[in-house]
Amino acid sequence: MSPQEIKNALDQTIEAHCQETGQAFSPALLDANPNLIESGIFDSLAFLQFIATLEEKLGKEFDMLDEDPEVFTTYKGLLQMISK
């Protein structure tokens, strides 16, 4: 899967979550590299469901135990982790 396809899948999954929960979404939101939990986009349970959805969508499993939570809870950090 190309880096652009990974980014698109990540963006679409975040956008779908925002629509389901009635949150405003724009691509500019992601350009700001928000912490996806601290910003209120996801709560901790929804974040875990989000990761499971991404794993299913991308057909790969993420090992978050080796990553710093400060990294993989940000948009760009998560994108970098997924692209490995």
C-alpha atoms as a PDB file:
ATOM      1  CA  MET A   1       0.000   0.000   0.000  1.00  0.00           C
ATOM      2  CA  SER A   2       1.410   3.384  -0.975  1.00  0.00           C
ATOM      3  CA  PRO A   3       1.959   6.180   1.555  1.00  0.00           C
ATOM      4  CA  GLN A   4      -0.862   8.152  -0.077  1.00  0.00           C
ATOM      5  CA  GLU A   5      -3.254   5.200   0.236  1.00  0.00           C
ATOM      6  CA  ILE A   6      -2.343   4.853   3.912  1.00  0.00           C
ATOM      7  CA  LYS A   7      -2.905   8.579   4.490  1.00  0.00           C
ATOM      8  CA  ASN A   8      -6.243   8.415   2.680  1.00  0.00           C
ATOM      9  CA  ALA A   9      -7.392   5.447   4.779  1.00  0.00           C
ATOM     10  CA  LEU A  10      -6.372   7.237   7.980  1.00  0.00           C
ATOM     11  CA  ASP A  11      -8.091  10.464   6.940  1.00  0.00           C
ATOM     12  CA  GLN A  12     -11.279   8.670   5.862  1.00  0.00           C
ATOM     13  CA  THR A  13     -11.453   6.715   9.106  1.00  0.00           C
ATOM     14  CA  ILE A  14     -11.038   9.855  11.235  1.00  0.00           C
ATOM     15  CA  GLU A  15     -13.571  11.731   9.117  1.00  0.00           C
ATOM     16  CA  ALA A  16     -16.101   8.880   9.420  1.00  0.00           C
ATOM     17  CA  HIS A  17     -15.661   8.841  13.196  1.00  0.00           C
ATOM     18  CA  CYS A  18     -16.194  12.609  13.368  1.00  0.00           C
ATOM     19  CA  GLN A  19     -19.367  12.312  11.299  1.00  0.00           C
ATOM     20  CA  GLU A  20     -20.675   9.481  13.494  1.00  0.00           C
ATOM     21  CA  THR A  21     -20.074  11.484  16.660  1.00  0.00           C
ATOM     22  CA  GLY A  22     -21.278  14.827  15.287  1.00  0.00           C
ATOM     23  CA  GLN A  23     -17.875  16.489  15.456  1.00  0.00           C
ATOM     24  CA  ALA A  24     -16.754  19.073  12.951  1.00  0.00           C
ATOM     25  CA  PHE A  25     -14.116  17.797  10.548  1.00  0.00           C
ATOM     26  CA  SER A  26     -11.876  19.456   7.997  1.00  0.00           C
ATOM     27  CA  PRO A  27      -8.542  18.434   6.491  1.00  0.00           C
ATOM     28  CA  ALA A  28      -7.043  21.522   8.174  1.00  0.00           C
ATOM     29  CA  LEU A  29      -7.786  19.855  11.510  1.00  0.00           C
ATOM     30  CA  LEU A  30      -5.361  17.058  10.630  1.00  0.00           C
ATOM     31  CA  ASP A  31      -2.751  19.449   9.206  1.00  0.00           C
ATOM     32  CA  ALA A  32      -2.461  20.912  12.719  1.00  0.00           C
ATOM     33  CA  ASN A  33      -1.231  17.468  13.919  1.00  0.00           C
ATOM     34  CA  PRO A  34      -3.625  17.160  16.847  1.00  0.00           C
ATOM     35  CA  ASN A  35      -3.257  14.683  19.642  1.00  0.00           C
ATOM     36  CA  LEU A  36      -6.239  12.546  18.694  1.00  0.00           C
ATOM     37  CA  ILE A  37      -7.230  11.863  22.312  1.00  0.00           C
ATOM     38  CA  GLU A  38      -6.360  15.134  24.064  1.00  0.00           C
ATOM     39  CA  SER A  39      -8.115  17.141  21.349  1.00  0.00           C
ATOM     40  CA  GLY A  40     -11.333  15.240  22.039  1.00  0.00           C
ATOM     41  CA  ILE A  41     -11.571  13.600  18.617  1.00  0.00           C
ATOM     42  CA  PHE A  42     -11.433  10.194  20.324  1.00  0.00           C
ATOM     43  CA  ASP A  43     -11.834   9.038  23.880  1.00  0.00           C
ATOM     44  CA  SER A  44      -9.581   6.161  24.937  1.00  0.00           C
ATOM     45  CA  LEU A  45     -12.060   3.404  24.045  1.00  0.00           C
ATOM     46  CA  ALA A  46     -12.968   4.972  20.712  1.00  0.00           C
ATOM     47  CA  PHE A  47      -9.244   5.309  19.941  1.00  0.00           C
ATOM     48  CA  LEU A  48      -8.730   1.570  20.438  1.00  0.00           C
ATOM     49  CA  GLN A  49     -11.713   0.860  18.180  1.00  0.00           C
ATOM     50  CA  PHE A  50     -10.260   3.300  15.649  1.00  0.00           C
ATOM     51  CA  ILE A  51      -6.924   1.420  15.676  1.00  0.00           C
ATOM     52  CA  ALA A  52      -8.738  -1.913  15.217  1.00  0.00           C
ATOM     53  CA  THR A  53     -10.667  -0.458  12.272  1.00  0.00           C
ATOM     54  CA  LEU A  54      -7.433   0.785  10.689  1.00  0.00           C
ATOM     55  CA  GLU A  55      -5.754  -2.581  11.178  1.00  0.00           C
ATOM     56  CA  GLU A  56      -8.658  -4.272   9.440  1.00  0.00           C
ATOM     57  CA  LYS A  57      -8.826  -1.696   6.659  1.00  0.00           C
ATOM     58  CA  LEU A  58      -5.086  -1.789   5.970  1.00  0.00           C
ATOM     59  CA  GLY A  59      -4.629  -5.512   6.569  1.00  0.00           C
ATOM     60  CA  LYS A  60      -1.813  -5.070   9.059  1.00  0.00           C
ATOM     61  CA  GLU A  61      -1.365  -5.146  12.807  1.00  0.00           C
ATOM     62  CA  PHE A  62       0.313  -2.298  14.688  1.00  0.00           C
ATOM     63  CA  ASP A  63       2.637  -2.969  17.606  1.00  0.00           C
ATOM     64  CA  MET A  64       1.911   0.009  19.806  1.00  0.00           C
ATOM     65  CA  LEU A  65       3.819  -1.431  22.781  1.00  0.00           C
ATOM     66  CA  ASP A  66       7.127  -0.407  21.218  1.00  0.00           C
ATOM     67  CA  GLU A  67       5.928   3.116  20.493  1.00  0.00           C
ATOM     68  CA  ASP A  68       5.682   6.144  22.746  1.00  0.00           C
ATOM     69  CA  PRO A  69       1.983   6.994  23.263  1.00  0.00           C
ATOM     70  CA  GLU A  70       2.863  10.661  22.795  1.00  0.00           C
ATOM     71  CA  VAL A  71       3.863   9.760  19.246  1.00  0.00           C
ATOM     72  CA  PHE A  72       1.127   7.410  18.061  1.00  0.00           C
ATOM     73  CA  THR A  73      -1.711   9.470  19.505  1.00  0.00           C
ATOM     74  CA  THR A  74      -0.825  12.399  17.247  1.00  0.00           C
ATOM     75  CA  TYR A  75      -2.000  12.410  13.653  1.00  0.00           C
ATOM     76  CA  LYS A  76       1.488  12.600  12.113  1.00  0.00           C
ATOM     77  CA  GLY A  77       2.966  10.153  14.613  1.00  0.00           C
ATOM     78  CA  LEU A  78       0.232   7.640  13.873  1.00  0.00           C
ATOM     79  CA  LEU A  79       0.723   8.112  10.147  1.00  0.00           C
ATOM     80  CA  GLN A  80       4.464   7.518  10.580  1.00  0.00           C
ATOM     81  CA  MET A  81       3.874   4.407  12.717  1.00  0.00           C
ATOM     82  CA  ILE A  82       1.433   2.949  10.179  1.00  0.00           C
ATOM     83  CA  SER A  83       3.822   3.619   7.294  1.00  0.00           C
ATOM     84  CA  LYS A  84       6.630   1.536   8.856  1.00  0.00           C
END
